[in-house]
PDB file of N, CA and C in Angstrom:
ATOM      1  N   MET A   1     -35.271   2.194  13.792  1.00  0.00           N
ATOM      2  CA  MET A   1     -34.062   2.900  13.439  1.00  0.00           C
ATOM      3  C   MET A   1     -32.930   1.889  13.271  1.00  0.00           C
ATOM      4  N   THR A   2     -32.185   2.017  12.188  1.00  0.00           N
ATOM      5  CA  THR A   2     -31.067   1.113  11.931  1.00  0.00           C
ATOM      6  C   THR A   2     -29.758   1.893  11.949  1.00  0.00           C
ATOM      7  N   THR A   3     -28.704   1.154  12.175  1.00  0.00           N
ATOM      8  CA  THR A   3     -27.370   1.737  12.151  1.00  0.00           C
ATOM      9  C   THR A   3     -26.640   1.209  10.937  1.00  0.00           C
ATOM     10  N   GLN A   4     -26.078   2.099  10.172  1.00  0.00           N
ATOM     11  CA  GLN A   4     -25.320   1.682   8.996  1.00  0.00           C
ATOM     12  C   GLN A   4     -23.844   1.951   9.238  1.00  0.00           C
ATOM     13  N   PRO A   5     -23.033   0.885   9.324  1.00  0.00           N
ATOM     14  CA  PRO A   5     -21.601   1.092   9.556  1.00  0.00           C
ATOM     15  C   PRO A   5     -20.917   1.658   8.317  1.00  0.00           C
ATOM     16  N   ARG A   6     -19.768   2.228   8.524  1.00  0.00           N
ATOM     17  CA  ARG A   6     -18.978   2.734   7.397  1.00  0.00           C
ATOM     18  C   ARG A   6     -18.369   1.568   6.635  1.00  0.00           C
ATOM     19  N   SER A   7     -18.105   1.792   5.365  1.00  0.00           N
ATOM     20  CA  SER A   7     -17.400   0.781   4.585  1.00  0.00           C
ATOM     21  C   SER A   7     -15.926   0.810   4.983  1.00  0.00           C
ATOM     22  N   VAL A   8     -15.217  -0.244   4.665  1.00  0.00           N
ATOM     23  CA  VAL A   8     -13.786  -0.303   4.973  1.00  0.00           C
ATOM     24  C   VAL A   8     -13.059   0.842   4.264  1.00  0.00           C
ATOM     25  N   MET A   9     -13.414   1.128   3.043  1.00  0.00           N
ATOM     26  CA  MET A   9     -12.768   2.211   2.296  1.00  0.00           C
ATOM     27  C   MET A   9     -13.028   3.564   2.959  1.00  0.00           C
ATOM     28  N   ALA A  10     -14.244   3.803   3.417  1.00  0.00           N
ATOM     29  CA  ALA A  10     -14.561   5.065   4.093  1.00  0.00           C
ATOM     30  C   ALA A  10     -13.756   5.203   5.377  1.00  0.00           C
ATOM     31  N   MET A  11     -13.563   4.117   6.106  1.00  0.00           N
ATOM     32  CA  MET A  11     -12.756   4.159   7.331  1.00  0.00           C
ATOM     33  C   MET A  11     -11.297   4.445   7.009  1.00  0.00           C
ATOM     34  N   MET A  12     -10.780   3.861   5.931  1.00  0.00           N
ATOM     35  CA  MET A  12      -9.383   4.090   5.552  1.00  0.00           C
ATOM     36  C   MET A  12      -9.164   5.548   5.153  1.00  0.00           C
ATOM     37  N   ILE A  13     -10.103   6.120   4.425  1.00  0.00           N
ATOM     38  CA  ILE A  13     -10.002   7.527   4.026  1.00  0.00           C
ATOM     39  C   ILE A  13     -10.041   8.418   5.263  1.00  0.00           C
ATOM     40  N   PHE A  14     -10.938   8.119   6.193  1.00  0.00           N
ATOM     41  CA  PHE A  14     -11.049   8.904   7.424  1.00  0.00           C
ATOM     42  C   PHE A  14      -9.747   8.852   8.219  1.00  0.00           C
ATOM     43  N   MET A  15      -9.154   7.682   8.372  1.00  0.00           N
ATOM     44  CA  MET A  15      -7.902   7.534   9.113  1.00  0.00           C
ATOM     45  C   MET A  15      -6.745   8.209   8.375  1.00  0.00           C
ATOM     46  N   ALA A  16      -6.777   8.224   7.049  1.00  0.00           N
ATOM     47  CA  ALA A  16      -5.701   8.846   6.266  1.00  0.00           C
ATOM     48  C   ALA A  16      -5.619  10.344   6.515  1.00  0.00           C
ATOM     49  N   TRP A  17      -6.700  10.967   6.948  1.00  0.00           N
ATOM     50  CA  TRP A  17      -6.674  12.401   7.240  1.00  0.00           C
ATOM     51  C   TRP A  17      -5.682  12.727   8.347  1.00  0.00           C
ATOM     52  N   GLY A  18      -5.341  11.766   9.197  1.00  0.00           N
ATOM     53  CA  GLY A  18      -4.423  12.015  10.299  1.00  0.00           C
ATOM     54  C   GLY A  18      -2.965  11.793   9.961  1.00  0.00           C
ATOM     55  N   VAL A  19      -2.654  11.404   8.727  1.00  0.00           N
ATOM     56  CA  VAL A  19      -1.277  11.108   8.335  1.00  0.00           C
ATOM     57  C   VAL A  19      -0.617  12.354   7.756  1.00  0.00           C
ATOM     58  N   LYS A  20       0.495  12.743   8.353  1.00  0.00           N
ATOM     59  CA  LYS A  20       1.257  13.893   7.836  1.00  0.00           C
ATOM     60  C   LYS A  20       2.265  13.353   6.822  1.00  0.00           C
ATOM     61  N   VAL A  21       1.997  13.555   5.552  1.00  0.00           N
ATOM     62  CA  VAL A  21       2.856  13.056   4.477  1.00  0.00           C
ATOM     63  C   VAL A  21       3.938  14.100   4.187  1.00  0.00           C
ATOM     64  N   PRO A  22       5.203  13.694   4.112  1.00  0.00           N
ATOM     65  CA  PRO A  22       6.276  14.640   3.811  1.00  0.00           C
ATOM     66  C   PRO A  22       6.038  15.381   2.491  1.00  0.00           C
ATOM     67  N   LEU A  23       6.438  16.637   2.459  1.00  0.00           N
ATOM     68  CA  LEU A  23       6.216  17.499   1.296  1.00  0.00           C
ATOM     69  C   LEU A  23       6.772  16.885   0.013  1.00  0.00           C
ATOM     70  N   GLU A  24       7.986  16.342   0.057  1.00  0.00           N
ATOM     71  CA  GLU A  24       8.572  15.787  -1.168  1.00  0.00           C
ATOM     72  C   GLU A  24       7.788  14.578  -1.687  1.00  0.00           C
ATOM     73  N   GLN A  25       7.122  13.851  -0.791  1.00  0.00           N
ATOM     74  CA  GLN A  25       6.279  12.729  -1.219  1.00  0.00           C
ATOM     75  C   GLN A  25       5.023  13.247  -1.932  1.00  0.00           C
ATOM     76  N   ARG A  26       4.457  14.337  -1.409  1.00  0.00           N
ATOM     77  CA  ARG A  26       3.264  14.921  -2.039  1.00  0.00           C
ATOM     78  C   ARG A  26       3.613  15.556  -3.375  1.00  0.00           C
ATOM     79  N   GLN A  27       4.730  16.275  -3.435  1.00  0.00           N
ATOM     80  CA  GLN A  27       5.127  16.947  -4.671  1.00  0.00           C
ATOM     81  C   GLN A  27       5.526  15.944  -5.747  1.00  0.00           C
ATOM     82  N   GLY A  28       6.060  14.812  -5.344  1.00  0.00           N
ATOM     83  CA  GLY A  28       6.471  13.788  -6.299  1.00  0.00           C
ATOM     84  C   GLY A  28       5.317  12.948  -6.820  1.00  0.00           C
ATOM     85  N   GLY A  29       4.098  13.240  -6.359  1.00  0.00           N
ATOM     86  CA  GLY A  29       2.930  12.509  -6.823  1.00  0.00           C
ATOM     87  C   GLY A  29       2.757  11.147  -6.182  1.00  0.00           C
ATOM     88  N   ARG A  30       3.502  10.871  -5.103  1.00  0.00           N
ATOM     89  CA  ARG A  30       3.406   9.573  -4.432  1.00  0.00           C
ATOM     90  C   ARG A  30       2.242   9.522  -3.464  1.00  0.00           C
ATOM     91  N   ALA A  31       1.680  10.681  -3.138  1.00  0.00           N
ATOM     92  CA  ALA A  31       0.554  10.746  -2.212  1.00  0.00           C
ATOM     93  C   ALA A  31      -0.385  11.849  -2.673  1.00  0.00           C
ATOM     94  N   ILE A  32      -1.635  11.710  -2.334  1.00  0.00           N
ATOM     95  CA  ILE A  32      -2.639  12.712  -2.690  1.00  0.00           C
ATOM     96  C   ILE A  32      -2.606  13.825  -1.656  1.00  0.00           C
ATOM     97  N   ASP A  33      -2.596  15.060  -2.113  1.00  0.00           N
ATOM     98  CA  ASP A  33      -2.643  16.206  -1.211  1.00  0.00           C
ATOM     99  C   ASP A  33      -4.092  16.654  -1.091  1.00  0.00           C
ATOM    100  N   TYR A  34      -4.691  16.397   0.054  1.00  0.00           N
ATOM    101  CA  TYR A  34      -6.080  16.781   0.295  1.00  0.00           C
ATOM    102  C   TYR A  34      -6.191  18.195   0.839  1.00  0.00           C
ATOM    103  N   GLY A  35      -5.051  18.897   0.995  1.00  0.00           N
ATOM    104  CA  GLY A  35      -5.088  20.260   1.489  1.00  0.00           C
ATOM    105  C   GLY A  35      -5.469  20.360   2.954  1.00  0.00           C
ATOM    106  N   LEU A  36      -5.107  19.361   3.745  1.00  0.00           N
ATOM    107  CA  LEU A  36      -5.482  19.347   5.150  1.00  0.00           C
ATOM    108  C   LEU A  36      -4.515  20.117   6.031  1.00  0.00           C
ATOM    109  N   GLU A  37      -3.312  20.412   5.515  1.00  0.00           N
ATOM    110  CA  GLU A  37      -2.320  21.123   6.321  1.00  0.00           C
ATOM    111  C   GLU A  37      -2.434  22.619   6.098  1.00  0.00           C
ATOM    112  N   ASN A  38      -2.179  23.380   7.165  1.00  0.00           N
ATOM    113  CA  ASN A  38      -2.181  24.829   7.031  1.00  0.00           C
ATOM    114  C   ASN A  38      -0.793  25.293   6.583  1.00  0.00           C
ATOM    115  N   GLY A  39      -0.547  26.580   6.549  1.00  0.00           N
ATOM    116  CA  GLY A  39       0.722  27.114   6.081  1.00  0.00           C
ATOM    117  C   GLY A  39       1.928  26.708   6.920  1.00  0.00           C
ATOM    118  N   ASN A  40       1.695  26.305   8.174  1.00  0.00           N
ATOM    119  CA  ASN A  40       2.779  25.890   9.066  1.00  0.00           C
ATOM    120  C   ASN A  40       3.062  24.401   8.974  1.00  0.00           C
ATOM    121  N   GLY A  41       2.377  23.694   8.079  1.00  0.00           N
ATOM    122  CA  GLY A  41       2.574  22.262   7.952  1.00  0.00           C
ATOM    123  C   GLY A  41       1.838  21.451   9.000  1.00  0.00           C
ATOM    124  N   GLU A  42       0.909  22.092   9.718  1.00  0.00           N
ATOM    125  CA  GLU A  42       0.141  21.392  10.737  1.00  0.00           C
ATOM    126  C   GLU A  42      -1.200  20.955  10.166  1.00  0.00           C
ATOM    127  N   ILE A  43      -1.662  19.797  10.628  1.00  0.00           N
ATOM    128  CA  ILE A  43      -2.953  19.289  10.192  1.00  0.00           C
ATOM    129  C   ILE A  43      -4.038  20.073  10.903  1.00  0.00           C
ATOM    130  N   GLY A  44      -5.072  20.444  10.168  1.00  0.00           N
ATOM    131  CA  GLY A  44      -6.171  21.212  10.740  1.00  0.00           C
ATOM    132  C   GLY A  44      -6.854  20.483  11.886  1.00  0.00           C
ATOM    133  N   LYS A  45      -7.632  21.207  12.653  1.00  0.00           N
ATOM    134  CA  LYS A  45      -8.284  20.635  13.830  1.00  0.00           C
ATOM    135  C   LYS A  45      -9.575  19.933  13.437  1.00  0.00           C
ATOM    136  N   ARG A  46      -9.456  18.726  12.974  1.00  0.00           N
ATOM    137  CA  ARG A  46     -10.604  17.887  12.663  1.00  0.00           C
ATOM    138  C   ARG A  46     -10.697  16.806  13.720  1.00  0.00           C
ATOM    139  N   LEU A  47     -11.831  16.173  13.795  1.00  0.00           N
ATOM    140  CA  LEU A  47     -12.009  15.071  14.734  1.00  0.00           C
ATOM    141  C   LEU A  47     -11.383  13.823  14.125  1.00  0.00           C
ATOM    142  N   ILE A  48     -10.085  13.668  14.363  1.00  0.00           N
ATOM    143  CA  ILE A  48      -9.333  12.541  13.824  1.00  0.00           C
ATOM    144  C   ILE A  48      -8.768  11.769  15.007  1.00  0.00           C
ATOM    145  N   PRO A  49      -8.934  10.458  15.026  1.00  0.00           N
ATOM    146  CA  PRO A  49      -8.555   9.675  16.200  1.00  0.00           C
ATOM    147  C   PRO A  49      -7.067   9.650  16.533  1.00  0.00           C
ATOM    148  N   PHE A  50      -6.204   9.931  15.598  1.00  0.00           N
ATOM    149  CA  PHE A  50      -4.774   9.942  15.882  1.00  0.00           C
ATOM    150  C   PHE A  50      -4.048  10.821  14.882  1.00  0.00           C
ATOM    151  N   ARG A  51      -2.796  11.099  15.171  1.00  0.00           N
ATOM    152  CA  ARG A  51      -1.930  11.844  14.255  1.00  0.00           C
ATOM    153  C   ARG A  51      -0.719  10.968  13.958  1.00  0.00           C
ATOM    154  N   MET A  52      -0.442  10.764  12.703  1.00  0.00           N
ATOM    155  CA  MET A  52       0.741  10.015  12.307  1.00  0.00           C
ATOM    156  C   MET A  52       1.734  10.998  11.717  1.00  0.00           C
ATOM    157  N   GLN A  53       2.939  11.023  12.273  1.00  0.00           N
ATOM    158  CA  GLN A  53       4.000  11.926  11.849  1.00  0.00           C
ATOM    159  C   GLN A  53       4.985  11.182  10.954  1.00  0.00           C
ATOM    160  N   ALA A  54       5.876  11.913  10.309  1.00  0.00           N
ATOM    161  CA  ALA A  54       6.911  11.315   9.464  1.00  0.00           C
ATOM    162  C   ALA A  54       8.234  11.998   9.734  1.00  0.00           C
ATOM    163  N   THR A  55       9.307  11.215   9.721  1.00  0.00           N
ATOM    164  CA  THR A  55      10.646  11.743   9.922  1.00  0.00           C
ATOM    165  C   THR A  55      11.649  10.856   9.189  1.00  0.00           C
ATOM    166  N   LYS A  56      12.796  11.411   8.851  1.00  0.00           N
ATOM    167  CA  LYS A  56      13.839  10.632   8.168  1.00  0.00           C
ATOM    168  C   LYS A  56      14.578   9.709   9.136  1.00  0.00           C
ATOM    169  N   SER A  57      14.739  10.148  10.391  1.00  0.00           N
ATOM    170  CA  SER A  57      15.456   9.332  11.372  1.00  0.00           C
ATOM    171  C   SER A  57      14.474   8.513  12.214  1.00  0.00           C
ATOM    172  N   ARG A  58      14.952   7.397  12.719  1.00  0.00           N
ATOM    173  CA  ARG A  58      14.090   6.506  13.494  1.00  0.00           C
ATOM    174  C   ARG A  58      13.642   7.191  14.797  1.00  0.00           C
ATOM    175  N   PRO A  59      12.321   7.286  15.015  1.00  0.00           N
ATOM    176  CA  PRO A  59      11.827   7.937  16.231  1.00  0.00           C
ATOM    177  C   PRO A  59      12.010   7.037  17.451  1.00  0.00           C
ATOM    178  N   GLN A  60      12.175   7.654  18.595  1.00  0.00           N
ATOM    179  CA  GLN A  60      12.349   6.929  19.851  1.00  0.00           C
ATOM    180  C   GLN A  60      11.119   7.130  20.738  1.00  0.00           C
ATOM    181  N   HIS A  61      10.813   6.134  21.546  1.00  0.00           N
ATOM    182  CA  HIS A  61       9.748   6.211  22.550  1.00  0.00           C
ATOM    183  C   HIS A  61       8.399   6.579  21.924  1.00  0.00           C
ATOM    184  N   VAL A  62       7.995   5.850  20.895  1.00  0.00           N
ATOM    185  CA  VAL A  62       6.719   6.078  20.228  1.00  0.00           C
ATOM    186  C   VAL A  62       5.838   4.848  20.394  1.00  0.00           C
ATOM    187  N   PHE A  63       4.540   5.013  20.133  1.00  0.00           N
ATOM    188  CA  PHE A  63       3.591   3.908  20.248  1.00  0.00           C
ATOM    189  C   PHE A  63       3.818   2.865  19.157  1.00  0.00           C
ATOM    190  N   ALA A  64       3.968   3.325  17.919  1.00  0.00           N
ATOM    191  CA  ALA A  64       4.198   2.430  16.781  1.00  0.00           C
ATOM    192  C   ALA A  64       4.956   3.187  15.703  1.00  0.00           C
ATOM    193  N   ALA A  65       5.796   2.469  14.950  1.00  0.00           N
ATOM    194  CA  ALA A  65       6.559   3.094  13.861  1.00  0.00           C
ATOM    195  C   ALA A  65       6.796   2.078  12.760  1.00  0.00           C
ATOM    196  N   VAL A  66       6.832   2.571  11.517  1.00  0.00           N
ATOM    197  CA  VAL A  66       7.118   1.723  10.367  1.00  0.00           C
ATOM    198  C   VAL A  66       7.955   2.533   9.376  1.00  0.00           C
ATOM    199  N   ARG A  67       8.917   1.886   8.748  1.00  0.00           N
ATOM    200  CA  ARG A  67       9.768   2.557   7.759  1.00  0.00           C
ATOM    201  C   ARG A  67       9.214   2.272   6.371  1.00  0.00           C
ATOM    202  N   PHE A  68       9.087   3.328   5.565  1.00  0.00           N
ATOM    203  CA  PHE A  68       8.549   3.181   4.215  1.00  0.00           C
ATOM    204  C   PHE A  68       9.128   4.269   3.329  1.00  0.00           C
ATOM    205  N   ASN A  69       9.738   3.882   2.216  1.00  0.00           N
ATOM    206  CA  ASN A  69      10.292   4.820   1.231  1.00  0.00           C
ATOM    207  C   ASN A  69      11.227   5.867   1.847  1.00  0.00           C
ATOM    208  N   GLY A  70      12.096   5.433   2.737  1.00  0.00           N
ATOM    209  CA  GLY A  70      13.089   6.333   3.295  1.00  0.00           C
ATOM    210  C   GLY A  70      12.608   7.196   4.446  1.00  0.00           C
ATOM    211  N   TYR A  71      11.383   7.031   4.897  1.00  0.00           N
ATOM    212  CA  TYR A  71      10.831   7.793   6.014  1.00  0.00           C
ATOM    213  C   TYR A  71      10.330   6.841   7.087  1.00  0.00           C
ATOM    214  N   TRP A  72      10.332   7.327   8.317  1.00  0.00           N
ATOM    215  CA  TRP A  72       9.710   6.619   9.416  1.00  0.00           C
ATOM    216  C   TRP A  72       8.373   7.299   9.686  1.00  0.00           C
ATOM    217  N   TYR A  73       7.292   6.552   9.600  1.00  0.00           N
ATOM    218  CA  TYR A  73       5.962   7.044   9.940  1.00  0.00           C
ATOM    219  C   TYR A  73       5.647   6.485  11.318  1.00  0.00           C
ATOM    220  N   TYR A  74       5.179   7.346  12.218  1.00  0.00           N
ATOM    221  CA  TYR A  74       4.984   6.886  13.586  1.00  0.00           C
ATOM    222  C   TYR A  74       3.792   7.562  14.255  1.00  0.00           C
ATOM    223  N   ILE A  75       3.273   6.873  15.265  1.00  0.00           N
ATOM    224  CA  ILE A  75       2.221   7.402  16.122  1.00  0.00           C
ATOM    225  C   ILE A  75       2.882   7.643  17.470  1.00  0.00           C
ATOM    226  N   ASP A  76       2.857   8.870  17.907  1.00  0.00           N
ATOM    227  CA  ASP A  76       3.495   9.238  19.161  1.00  0.00           C
ATOM    228  C   ASP A  76       2.706   8.677  20.343  1.00  0.00           C
ATOM    229  N   THR A  77       3.365   8.549  21.479  1.00  0.00           N
ATOM    230  CA  THR A  77       2.669   8.135  22.689  1.00  0.00           C
ATOM    231  C   THR A  77       1.841   9.290  23.210  1.00  0.00           C
ATOM    232  N   CYS A  78       0.789   8.983  23.888  1.00  0.00           N
ATOM    233  CA  CYS A  78      -0.114  10.028  24.412  1.00  0.00           C
ATOM    234  C   CYS A  78       0.436  10.717  25.608  1.00  0.00           C
TER     235      CYS A  78
END
Protein backbone atom coordinates (compact mmCIF):
# COMPACT_ATOMS: atom_id res chain seq x y z
CA MET A 1 0.00 0.00 0.00
CA THR A 2 1.35 3.42 -0.95
CA THR A 3 0.45 6.90 0.17
CA GLN A 4 -0.03 9.58 -2.43
CA PRO A 5 0.31 13.13 -1.09
CA ARG A 6 -1.78 15.97 -2.43
CA SER A 7 -0.30 18.32 -4.98
CA VAL A 8 0.52 21.86 -3.88
CA MET A 9 -2.37 23.16 -6.01
CA ALA A 10 -4.84 20.73 -4.41
CA MET A 11 -3.71 21.87 -0.94
CA MET A 12 -4.13 25.53 -1.90
CA ILE A 13 -7.66 24.90 -3.20
CA PHE A 14 -8.54 23.00 -0.02
CA MET A 15 -7.25 25.83 2.21
CA ALA A 16 -9.06 28.44 0.08
CA TRP A 17 -12.38 26.91 1.13
CA GLY A 18 -11.83 28.47 4.57
CA VAL A 19 -11.42 32.05 3.30
CA LYS A 20 -14.45 34.32 3.66
CA VAL A 21 -14.14 36.69 0.69
CA PRO A 22 -16.07 39.98 0.98
CA LEU A 23 -19.18 40.17 -1.21
CA GLU A 24 -17.97 43.17 -3.22
CA GLN A 25 -14.76 41.28 -4.08
CA ARG A 26 -16.77 38.30 -5.35
CA GLN A 27 -19.24 40.47 -7.29
CA GLY A 28 -16.41 42.46 -8.86
CA GLY A 29 -14.91 39.28 -10.29
CA ARG A 30 -11.77 39.53 -8.15
CA ALA A 31 -12.44 36.16 -6.53
CA ILE A 32 -14.18 32.95 -7.54
CA ASP A 33 -17.46 32.26 -5.78
CA TYR A 34 -17.57 28.53 -5.05
CA GLY A 35 -20.96 28.86 -3.33
CA LEU A 36 -19.60 27.78 0.04
CA GLU A 37 -21.48 30.41 2.06
CA ASN A 38 -25.08 29.99 3.13
CA GLY A 39 -27.69 32.77 3.09
CA ASN A 40 -26.31 34.25 6.33
CA GLY A 41 -22.83 34.68 4.86
CA GLU A 42 -21.44 31.80 6.93
CA ILE A 43 -19.17 29.14 5.49
CA GLY A 44 -20.74 25.70 5.47
CA LYS A 45 -19.64 23.04 7.93
CA ARG A 46 -16.86 21.33 6.01
CA LEU A 47 -13.72 19.82 7.43
CA ILE A 48 -11.54 22.88 6.92
CA PRO A 49 -8.49 23.42 9.13
CA PHE A 50 -9.11 27.13 9.71
CA ARG A 51 -11.41 30.04 8.96
CA MET A 52 -10.05 33.25 7.51
CA GLN A 53 -12.26 36.31 7.99
CA ALA A 54 -12.17 39.72 6.28
CA THR A 55 -12.85 43.20 7.62
CA LYS A 56 -12.22 46.80 6.54
CA SER A 57 -10.70 47.81 9.89
CA ARG A 58 -7.54 46.32 11.37
CA PRO A 59 -8.45 43.38 13.64
CA GLN A 60 -7.08 43.20 17.18
CA HIS A 61 -5.84 40.17 19.13
CA VAL A 62 -5.73 37.75 16.18
CA PHE A 63 -3.32 34.94 15.28
CA ALA A 64 -2.31 36.44 11.92
CA ALA A 65 -3.50 39.30 9.69
CA VAL A 66 -2.59 40.75 6.30
CA ARG A 67 -3.94 43.80 4.46
CA PHE A 68 -4.87 43.32 0.80
CA ASN A 69 -6.98 45.49 -1.54
CA GLY A 70 -8.47 47.59 1.24
CA TYR A 71 -9.41 44.65 3.50
CA TRP A 72 -7.76 42.95 6.43
CA TYR A 73 -7.81 39.15 6.13
CA TYR A 74 -7.15 37.42 9.42
CA ILE A 75 -7.14 34.14 11.30
CA ASP A 76 -8.71 34.52 14.71
CA THR A 77 -7.14 33.06 17.83
CA CYS A 78 -8.59 29.79 19.05
